[in-house]
């Protein structure tokens, strides 16, 4: 089973925003929120029209995100294309 090789890059584990700031700037709506585990950027998911979380990965190469939805703790690694598990916090 493939594993994530980027877990040591996690610096931020909790979102401090509950909006997609990029969508707010353009007046767009989003479906779900994802947070970068490297810098804390909160962006919208790939089901949203703008896919800001994935755009953030493409621009920065920050490999790991987590769901920023209440009650969800799953993570995703864009580089290794695996769900490394859930965050304890």
PDB file of N, CA and C in Angstrom:
ATOM      1  N   UNK A   1       0.837  -1.174   0.000  1.00  0.00           N
ATOM      2  CA  UNK A   1       0.000   0.000   0.000  1.00  0.00           C
ATOM      3  C   UNK A   1       0.889   1.248   0.000  1.00  0.00           C
ATOM      4  N   UNK A   2       0.607   2.226  -0.896  1.00  0.00           N
ATOM      5  CA  UNK A   2       1.412   3.448  -0.941  1.00  0.00           C
ATOM      6  C   UNK A   2       1.278   4.251   0.348  1.00  0.00           C
ATOM      7  N   UNK A   3       2.364   4.901   0.733  1.00  0.00           N
ATOM      8  CA  UNK A   3       2.362   5.720   1.933  1.00  0.00           C
ATOM      9  C   UNK A   3       2.788   7.142   1.583  1.00  0.00           C
ATOM     10  N   UNK A   4       2.430   8.062   2.451  1.00  0.00           N
ATOM     11  CA  UNK A   4       2.798   9.464   2.268  1.00  0.00           C
ATOM     12  C   UNK A   4       4.197   9.688   2.833  1.00  0.00           C
ATOM     13  N   UNK A   5       5.027  10.336   2.042  1.00  0.00           N
ATOM     14  CA  UNK A   5       6.389  10.631   2.468  1.00  0.00           C
ATOM     15  C   UNK A   5       6.555  12.082   2.941  1.00  0.00           C
ATOM     16  N   UNK A   6       5.436  12.775   3.178  1.00  0.00           N
ATOM     17  CA  UNK A   6       5.501  14.203   3.493  1.00  0.00           C
ATOM     18  C   UNK A   6       4.973  14.569   4.882  1.00  0.00           C
ATOM     19  N   UNK A   7       4.685  13.598   5.715  1.00  0.00           N
ATOM     20  CA  UNK A   7       4.057  13.875   7.003  1.00  0.00           C
ATOM     21  C   UNK A   7       4.905  14.772   7.906  1.00  0.00           C
ATOM     22  N   UNK A   8       6.212  14.747   7.741  1.00  0.00           N
ATOM     23  CA  UNK A   8       7.079  15.597   8.569  1.00  0.00           C
ATOM     24  C   UNK A   8       6.984  17.068   8.178  1.00  0.00           C
ATOM     25  N   UNK A   9       6.302  17.371   7.080  1.00  0.00           N
ATOM     26  CA  UNK A   9       6.146  18.757   6.635  1.00  0.00           C
ATOM     27  C   UNK A   9       4.935  19.439   7.267  1.00  0.00           C
ATOM     28  N   UNK A  10       4.160  18.723   8.073  1.00  0.00           N
ATOM     29  CA  UNK A  10       2.979  19.311   8.701  1.00  0.00           C
ATOM     30  C   UNK A  10       3.417  20.361   9.725  1.00  0.00           C
ATOM     31  N   UNK A  11       2.918  21.589   9.549  1.00  0.00           N
ATOM     32  CA  UNK A  11       3.236  22.691  10.465  1.00  0.00           C
ATOM     33  C   UNK A  11       1.984  23.273  11.098  1.00  0.00           C
ATOM     34  N   UNK A  12       0.854  23.182  10.411  1.00  0.00           N
ATOM     35  CA  UNK A  12      -0.409  23.753  10.870  1.00  0.00           C
ATOM     36  C   UNK A  12      -1.443  22.638  10.848  1.00  0.00           C
ATOM     37  N   UNK A  13      -2.194  22.483  11.939  1.00  0.00           N
ATOM     38  CA  UNK A  13      -3.169  21.386  11.977  1.00  0.00           C
ATOM     39  C   UNK A  13      -4.616  21.844  12.112  1.00  0.00           C
ATOM     40  N   UNK A  14      -4.843  23.085  12.550  1.00  0.00           N
ATOM     41  CA  UNK A  14      -6.203  23.580  12.749  1.00  0.00           C
ATOM     42  C   UNK A  14      -6.451  24.830  11.908  1.00  0.00           C
ATOM     43  N   UNK A  15      -7.584  24.874  11.202  1.00  0.00           N
ATOM     44  CA  UNK A  15      -7.891  26.085  10.432  1.00  0.00           C
ATOM     45  C   UNK A  15      -8.237  27.249  11.354  1.00  0.00           C
ATOM     46  N   UNK A  16      -7.820  28.439  10.955  1.00  0.00           N
ATOM     47  CA  UNK A  16      -8.217  29.629  11.709  1.00  0.00           C
ATOM     48  C   UNK A  16      -9.246  30.445  10.930  1.00  0.00           C
ATOM     49  N   UNK A  17      -9.609  29.942   9.754  1.00  0.00           N
ATOM     50  CA  UNK A  17     -10.634  30.572   8.921  1.00  0.00           C
ATOM     51  C   UNK A  17     -11.632  29.494   8.498  1.00  0.00           C
ATOM     52  N   UNK A  18     -12.854  29.908   8.290  1.00  0.00           N
ATOM     53  CA  UNK A  18     -13.858  28.961   7.821  1.00  0.00           C
ATOM     54  C   UNK A  18     -14.556  29.499   6.578  1.00  0.00           C
ATOM     55  N   UNK A  19     -13.736  30.129   5.736  1.00  0.00           N
ATOM     56  CA  UNK A  19     -14.176  30.621   4.429  1.00  0.00           C
ATOM     57  C   UNK A  19     -13.038  30.401   3.446  1.00  0.00           C
ATOM     58  N   UNK A  20     -13.383  30.305   2.183  1.00  0.00           N
ATOM     59  CA  UNK A  20     -12.356  30.313   1.134  1.00  0.00           C
ATOM     60  C   UNK A  20     -12.070  31.782   0.836  1.00  0.00           C
ATOM     61  N   UNK A  21     -10.925  32.269   1.306  1.00  0.00           N
ATOM     62  CA  UNK A  21     -10.611  33.687   1.137  1.00  0.00           C
ATOM     63  C   UNK A  21     -10.522  34.088  -0.332  1.00  0.00           C
ATOM     64  N   UNK A  22     -10.067  33.172  -1.182  1.00  0.00           N
ATOM     65  CA  UNK A  22      -9.973  33.476  -2.612  1.00  0.00           C
ATOM     66  C   UNK A  22     -11.364  33.654  -3.220  1.00  0.00           C
ATOM     67  N   UNK A  23     -12.331  32.814  -2.812  1.00  0.00           N
ATOM     68  CA  UNK A  23     -13.709  32.958  -3.302  1.00  0.00           C
ATOM     69  C   UNK A  23     -14.362  34.219  -2.748  1.00  0.00           C
ATOM     70  N   UNK A  24     -14.064  34.554  -1.492  1.00  0.00           N
ATOM     71  CA  UNK A  24     -14.620  35.774  -0.896  1.00  0.00           C
ATOM     72  C   UNK A  24     -14.170  36.989  -1.708  1.00  0.00           C
ATOM     73  N   UNK A  25     -12.899  37.006  -2.115  1.00  0.00           N
ATOM     74  CA  UNK A  25     -12.364  38.136  -2.887  1.00  0.00           C
ATOM     75  C   UNK A  25     -13.080  38.318  -4.221  1.00  0.00           C
ATOM     76  N   UNK A  26     -13.502  37.194  -4.835  1.00  0.00           N
ATOM     77  CA  UNK A  26     -14.133  37.269  -6.158  1.00  0.00           C
ATOM     78  C   UNK A  26     -15.654  37.195  -6.084  1.00  0.00           C
ATOM     79  N   UNK A  27     -16.189  37.006  -4.880  1.00  0.00           N
ATOM     80  CA  UNK A  27     -17.642  36.932  -4.727  1.00  0.00           C
ATOM     81  C   UNK A  27     -18.226  35.592  -5.144  1.00  0.00           C
ATOM     82  N   UNK A  28     -17.395  34.560  -5.207  1.00  0.00           N
ATOM     83  CA  UNK A  28     -17.859  33.238  -5.615  1.00  0.00           C
ATOM     84  C   UNK A  28     -18.241  32.395  -4.400  1.00  0.00           C
ATOM     85  N   UNK A  29     -18.951  31.317  -4.661  1.00  0.00           N
ATOM     86  CA  UNK A  29     -19.359  30.376  -3.611  1.00  0.00           C
ATOM     87  C   UNK A  29     -18.477  29.140  -3.674  1.00  0.00           C
ATOM     88  N   UNK A  30     -18.457  28.375  -2.589  1.00  0.00           N
ATOM     89  CA  UNK A  30     -17.682  27.144  -2.533  1.00  0.00           C
ATOM     90  C   UNK A  30     -18.549  26.038  -1.965  1.00  0.00           C
ATOM     91  N   UNK A  31     -18.081  24.788  -2.135  1.00  0.00           N
ATOM     92  CA  UNK A  31     -18.813  23.623  -1.650  1.00  0.00           C
ATOM     93  C   UNK A  31     -18.258  23.191  -0.290  1.00  0.00           C
ATOM     94  N   UNK A  32     -16.978  22.816  -0.247  1.00  0.00           N
ATOM     95  CA  UNK A  32     -16.317  22.385   0.983  1.00  0.00           C
ATOM     96  C   UNK A  32     -14.967  23.074   1.081  1.00  0.00           C
ATOM     97  N   UNK A  33     -14.417  23.114   2.297  1.00  0.00           N
ATOM     98  CA  UNK A  33     -13.145  23.784   2.525  1.00  0.00           C
ATOM     99  C   UNK A  33     -12.044  22.786   2.847  1.00  0.00           C
ATOM    100  N   UNK A  34     -10.838  23.085   2.375  1.00  0.00           N
ATOM    101  CA  UNK A  34      -9.643  22.288   2.634  1.00  0.00           C
ATOM    102  C   UNK A  34      -8.550  23.221   3.136  1.00  0.00           C
ATOM    103  N   UNK A  35      -7.723  22.723   4.053  1.00  0.00           N
ATOM    104  CA  UNK A  35      -6.656  23.540   4.620  1.00  0.00           C
ATOM    105  C   UNK A  35      -5.293  22.928   4.314  1.00  0.00           C
ATOM    106  N   UNK A  36      -4.367  23.756   3.891  1.00  0.00           N
ATOM    107  CA  UNK A  36      -2.987  23.343   3.659  1.00  0.00           C
ATOM    108  C   UNK A  36      -2.323  23.091   5.004  1.00  0.00           C
ATOM    109  N   UNK A  37      -1.714  21.934   5.152  1.00  0.00           N
ATOM    110  CA  UNK A  37      -1.054  21.582   6.405  1.00  0.00           C
ATOM    111  C   UNK A  37       0.355  22.149   6.508  1.00  0.00           C
ATOM    112  N   UNK A  38       0.821  22.819   5.467  1.00  0.00           N
ATOM    113  CA  UNK A  38       2.126  23.477   5.516  1.00  0.00           C
ATOM    114  C   UNK A  38       1.994  24.927   5.982  1.00  0.00           C
ATOM    115  N   UNK A  39       1.031  25.667   5.403  1.00  0.00           N
ATOM    116  CA  UNK A  39       0.941  27.099   5.714  1.00  0.00           C
ATOM    117  C   UNK A  39      -0.396  27.542   6.288  1.00  0.00           C
ATOM    118  N   UNK A  40      -1.401  26.676   6.279  1.00  0.00           N
ATOM    119  CA  UNK A  40      -2.698  27.030   6.837  1.00  0.00           C
ATOM    120  C   UNK A  40      -3.661  27.678   5.858  1.00  0.00           C
ATOM    121  N   UNK A  41      -3.276  27.840   4.596  1.00  0.00           N
ATOM    122  CA  UNK A  41      -4.181  28.430   3.599  1.00  0.00           C
ATOM    123  C   UNK A  41      -5.458  27.598   3.522  1.00  0.00           C
ATOM    124  N   UNK A  42      -6.607  28.262   3.559  1.00  0.00           N
ATOM    125  CA  UNK A  42      -7.895  27.570   3.427  1.00  0.00           C
ATOM    126  C   UNK A  42      -8.444  27.879   2.045  1.00  0.00           C
ATOM    127  N   UNK A  43      -8.724  26.822   1.290  1.00  0.00           N
ATOM    128  CA  UNK A  43      -9.260  26.967  -0.054  1.00  0.00           C
ATOM    129  C   UNK A  43     -10.418  26.023  -0.286  1.00  0.00           C
ATOM    130  N   UNK A  44     -11.121  26.250  -1.366  1.00  0.00           N
ATOM    131  CA  UNK A  44     -12.288  25.417  -1.678  1.00  0.00           C
ATOM    132  C   UNK A  44     -11.864  24.119  -2.364  1.00  0.00           C
ATOM    133  N   UNK A  45     -12.724  23.118  -2.240  1.00  0.00           N
ATOM    134  CA  UNK A  45     -12.444  21.766  -2.742  1.00  0.00           C
ATOM    135  C   UNK A  45     -12.608  21.672  -4.259  1.00  0.00           C
ATOM    136  N   UNK A  46     -12.287  20.520  -4.807  1.00  0.00           N
ATOM    137  CA  UNK A  46     -12.387  20.310  -6.249  1.00  0.00           C
ATOM    138  C   UNK A  46     -13.825  20.189  -6.741  1.00  0.00           C
ATOM    139  N   UNK A  47     -14.792  20.073  -5.843  1.00  0.00           N
ATOM    140  CA  UNK A  47     -16.202  20.115  -6.241  1.00  0.00           C
ATOM    141  C   UNK A  47     -16.683  21.554  -6.393  1.00  0.00           C
ATOM    142  N   UNK A  48     -15.891  22.497  -5.936  1.00  0.00           N
ATOM    143  CA  UNK A  48     -16.198  23.922  -6.068  1.00  0.00           C
ATOM    144  C   UNK A  48     -15.720  24.406  -7.434  1.00  0.00           C
ATOM    145  N   UNK A  49     -16.375  25.423  -7.987  1.00  0.00           N
ATOM    146  CA  UNK A  49     -15.996  25.890  -9.331  1.00  0.00           C
ATOM    147  C   UNK A  49     -14.532  26.309  -9.473  1.00  0.00           C
ATOM    148  N   UNK A  50     -13.953  26.931  -8.433  1.00  0.00           N
ATOM    149  CA  UNK A  50     -12.600  27.475  -8.563  1.00  0.00           C
ATOM    150  C   UNK A  50     -11.476  26.556  -8.088  1.00  0.00           C
ATOM    151  N   UNK A  51     -11.780  25.535  -7.332  1.00  0.00           N
ATOM    152  CA  UNK A  51     -10.785  24.554  -6.879  1.00  0.00           C
ATOM    153  C   UNK A  51      -9.539  25.220  -6.275  1.00  0.00           C
ATOM    154  N   UNK A  52      -9.754  26.168  -5.370  1.00  0.00           N
ATOM    155  CA  UNK A  52      -8.635  26.941  -4.840  1.00  0.00           C
ATOM    156  C   UNK A  52      -7.643  26.120  -4.019  1.00  0.00           C
ATOM    157  N   UNK A  53      -8.080  25.061  -3.360  1.00  0.00           N
ATOM    158  CA  UNK A  53      -7.128  24.237  -2.595  1.00  0.00           C
ATOM    159  C   UNK A  53      -6.124  23.576  -3.541  1.00  0.00           C
ATOM    160  N   UNK A  54      -6.606  23.024  -4.640  1.00  0.00           N
ATOM    161  CA  UNK A  54      -5.706  22.399  -5.615  1.00  0.00           C
ATOM    162  C   UNK A  54      -4.839  23.455  -6.299  1.00  0.00           C
ATOM    163  N   UNK A  55      -5.411  24.607  -6.587  1.00  0.00           N
ATOM    164  CA  UNK A  55      -4.610  25.696  -7.180  1.00  0.00           C
ATOM    165  C   UNK A  55      -3.467  26.093  -6.250  1.00  0.00           C
ATOM    166  N   UNK A  56      -3.759  26.123  -4.949  1.00  0.00           N
ATOM    167  CA  UNK A  56      -2.716  26.450  -3.974  1.00  0.00           C
ATOM    168  C   UNK A  56      -1.590  25.421  -4.037  1.00  0.00           C
ATOM    169  N   UNK A  57      -1.929  24.143  -4.124  1.00  0.00           N
ATOM    170  CA  UNK A  57      -0.898  23.107  -4.252  1.00  0.00           C
ATOM    171  C   UNK A  57      -0.067  23.326  -5.516  1.00  0.00           C
ATOM    172  N   UNK A  58      -0.709  23.585  -6.633  1.00  0.00           N
ATOM    173  CA  UNK A  58      -0.001  23.776  -7.904  1.00  0.00           C
ATOM    174  C   UNK A  58       0.961  24.964  -7.813  1.00  0.00           C
ATOM    175  N   UNK A  59       0.543  26.018  -7.135  1.00  0.00           N
ATOM    176  CA  UNK A  59       1.376  27.220  -7.033  1.00  0.00           C
ATOM    177  C   UNK A  59       2.504  27.082  -6.015  1.00  0.00           C
ATOM    178  N   UNK A  60       2.305  26.286  -4.966  1.00  0.00           N
ATOM    179  CA  UNK A  60       3.267  26.268  -3.857  1.00  0.00           C
ATOM    180  C   UNK A  60       4.009  24.949  -3.668  1.00  0.00           C
ATOM    181  N   UNK A  61       3.468  23.865  -4.222  1.00  0.00           N
ATOM    182  CA  UNK A  61       3.992  22.517  -3.990  1.00  0.00           C
ATOM    183  C   UNK A  61       3.842  22.064  -2.534  1.00  0.00           C
ATOM    184  N   UNK A  62       2.958  22.685  -1.762  1.00  0.00           N
ATOM    185  CA  UNK A  62       2.666  22.211  -0.409  1.00  0.00           C
ATOM    186  C   UNK A  62       1.825  20.948  -0.556  1.00  0.00           C
ATOM    187  N   UNK A  63       2.339  19.796  -0.137  1.00  0.00           N
ATOM    188  CA  UNK A  63       1.745  18.513  -0.525  1.00  0.00           C
ATOM    189  C   UNK A  63       0.493  18.068   0.228  1.00  0.00           C
ATOM    190  N   UNK A  64       0.313  18.501   1.471  1.00  0.00           N
ATOM    191  CA  UNK A  64      -0.756  17.927   2.302  1.00  0.00           C
ATOM    192  C   UNK A  64      -1.868  18.916   2.612  1.00  0.00           C
ATOM    193  N   UNK A  65      -3.098  18.412   2.535  1.00  0.00           N
ATOM    194  CA  UNK A  65      -4.267  19.175   2.969  1.00  0.00           C
ATOM    195  C   UNK A  65      -5.073  18.333   3.942  1.00  0.00           C
ATOM    196  N   UNK A  66      -5.968  18.994   4.649  1.00  0.00           N
ATOM    197  CA  UNK A  66      -6.944  18.308   5.487  1.00  0.00           C
ATOM    198  C   UNK A  66      -8.295  18.940   5.206  1.00  0.00           C
ATOM    199  N   UNK A  67      -9.337  18.226   5.538  1.00  0.00           N
ATOM    200  CA  UNK A  67     -10.662  18.820   5.467  1.00  0.00           C
ATOM    201  C   UNK A  67     -10.753  19.904   6.527  1.00  0.00           C
ATOM    202  N   UNK A  68     -11.353  21.021   6.173  1.00  0.00           N
ATOM    203  CA  UNK A  68     -11.604  22.088   7.137  1.00  0.00           C
ATOM    204  C   UNK A  68     -13.086  22.122   7.501  1.00  0.00           C
ATOM    205  N   UNK A  69     -13.778  21.026   7.215  1.00  0.00           N
ATOM    206  CA  UNK A  69     -15.190  20.911   7.553  1.00  0.00           C
ATOM    207  C   UNK A  69     -15.338  20.441   9.000  1.00  0.00           C
ATOM    208  N   UNK A  70     -16.327  20.970   9.724  1.00  0.00           N
ATOM    209  CA  UNK A  70     -16.529  20.555  11.119  1.00  0.00           C
ATOM    210  C   UNK A  70     -16.698  19.038  11.246  1.00  0.00           C
ATOM    211  N   UNK A  71     -15.967  18.446  12.194  1.00  0.00           N
ATOM    212  CA  UNK A  71     -16.070  17.021  12.459  1.00  0.00           C
ATOM    213  C   UNK A  71     -15.251  16.122  11.548  1.00  0.00           C
ATOM    214  N   UNK A  72     -14.611  16.686  10.523  1.00  0.00           N
ATOM    215  CA  UNK A  72     -13.795  15.886   9.603  1.00  0.00           C
ATOM    216  C   UNK A  72     -12.322  16.112   9.902  1.00  0.00           C
ATOM    217  N   UNK A  73     -11.540  15.019   9.912  1.00  0.00           N
ATOM    218  CA  UNK A  73     -10.102  15.111  10.226  1.00  0.00           C
ATOM    219  C   UNK A  73      -9.230  14.438   9.175  1.00  0.00           C
ATOM    220  N   UNK A  74      -9.808  14.014   8.049  1.00  0.00           N
ATOM    221  CA  UNK A  74      -9.023  13.289   7.057  1.00  0.00           C
ATOM    222  C   UNK A  74      -8.008  14.216   6.381  1.00  0.00           C
ATOM    223  N   UNK A  75      -6.969  13.589   5.853  1.00  0.00           N
ATOM    224  CA  UNK A  75      -5.910  14.306   5.145  1.00  0.00           C
ATOM    225  C   UNK A  75      -5.721  13.706   3.752  1.00  0.00           C
ATOM    226  N   UNK A  76      -5.096  14.470   2.871  1.00  0.00           N
ATOM    227  CA  UNK A  76      -4.801  14.024   1.509  1.00  0.00           C
ATOM    228  C   UNK A  76      -3.438  14.548   1.114  1.00  0.00           C
ATOM    229  N   UNK A  77      -2.648  13.683   0.475  1.00  0.00           N
ATOM    230  CA  UNK A  77      -1.352  14.086  -0.068  1.00  0.00           C
ATOM    231  C   UNK A  77      -1.473  14.153  -1.587  1.00  0.00           C
ATOM    232  N   UNK A  78      -1.328  15.358  -2.137  1.00  0.00           N
ATOM    233  CA  UNK A  78      -1.400  15.541  -3.592  1.00  0.00           C
ATOM    234  C   UNK A  78      -0.262  14.811  -4.307  1.00  0.00           C
ATOM    235  N   UNK A  79       0.918  14.825  -3.734  1.00  0.00           N
ATOM    236  CA  UNK A  79       2.092  14.257  -4.394  1.00  0.00           C
ATOM    237  C   UNK A  79       2.012  12.730  -4.455  1.00  0.00           C
ATOM    238  N   UNK A  80       1.764  12.114  -3.308  1.00  0.00           N
ATOM    239  CA  UNK A  80       1.717  10.647  -3.247  1.00  0.00           C
ATOM    240  C   UNK A  80       0.341  10.079  -3.587  1.00  0.00           C
ATOM    241  N   UNK A  81      -0.664  10.956  -3.717  1.00  0.00           N
ATOM    242  CA  UNK A  81      -2.039  10.574  -4.054  1.00  0.00           C
ATOM    243  C   UNK A  81      -2.580   9.506  -3.114  1.00  0.00           C
ATOM    244  N   UNK A  82      -2.435   9.764  -1.808  1.00  0.00           N
ATOM    245  CA  UNK A  82      -2.948   8.867  -0.776  1.00  0.00           C
ATOM    246  C   UNK A  82      -3.589   9.680   0.343  1.00  0.00           C
ATOM    247  N   UNK A  83      -4.450   9.014   1.085  1.00  0.00           N
ATOM    248  CA  UNK A  83      -5.012   9.593   2.306  1.00  0.00           C
ATOM    249  C   UNK A  83      -4.193   9.017   3.454  1.00  0.00           C
ATOM    250  N   UNK A  84      -3.255   9.797   4.007  1.00  0.00           N
ATOM    251  CA  UNK A  84      -2.382   9.263   5.050  1.00  0.00           C
ATOM    252  C   UNK A  84      -3.075   8.946   6.358  1.00  0.00           C
ATOM    253  N   UNK A  85      -4.292   9.394   6.548  1.00  0.00           N
ATOM    254  CA  UNK A  85      -5.027   9.102   7.768  1.00  0.00           C
ATOM    255  C   UNK A  85      -5.706  10.342   8.316  1.00  0.00           C
ATOM    256  N   UNK A  86      -6.127  10.265   9.563  1.00  0.00           N
ATOM    257  CA  UNK A  86      -6.799  11.374  10.210  1.00  0.00           C
ATOM    258  C   UNK A  86      -5.876  12.042  11.216  1.00  0.00           C
ATOM    259  N   UNK A  87      -6.033  13.326  11.372  1.00  0.00           N
ATOM    260  CA  UNK A  87      -5.261  14.052  12.377  1.00  0.00           C
ATOM    261  C   UNK A  87      -5.869  13.806  13.741  1.00  0.00           C
ATOM    262  N   UNK A  88      -5.049  13.695  14.726  1.00  0.00           N
ATOM    263  CA  UNK A  88      -5.519  13.438  16.088  1.00  0.00           C
ATOM    264  C   UNK A  88      -6.184  14.664  16.687  1.00  0.00           C
ATOM    265  N   UNK A  89      -5.827  15.842  16.219  1.00  0.00           N
ATOM    266  CA  UNK A  89      -6.388  17.085  16.766  1.00  0.00           C
ATOM    267  C   UNK A  89      -7.479  17.626  15.895  1.00  0.00           C
TER     268      UNK A  89
END
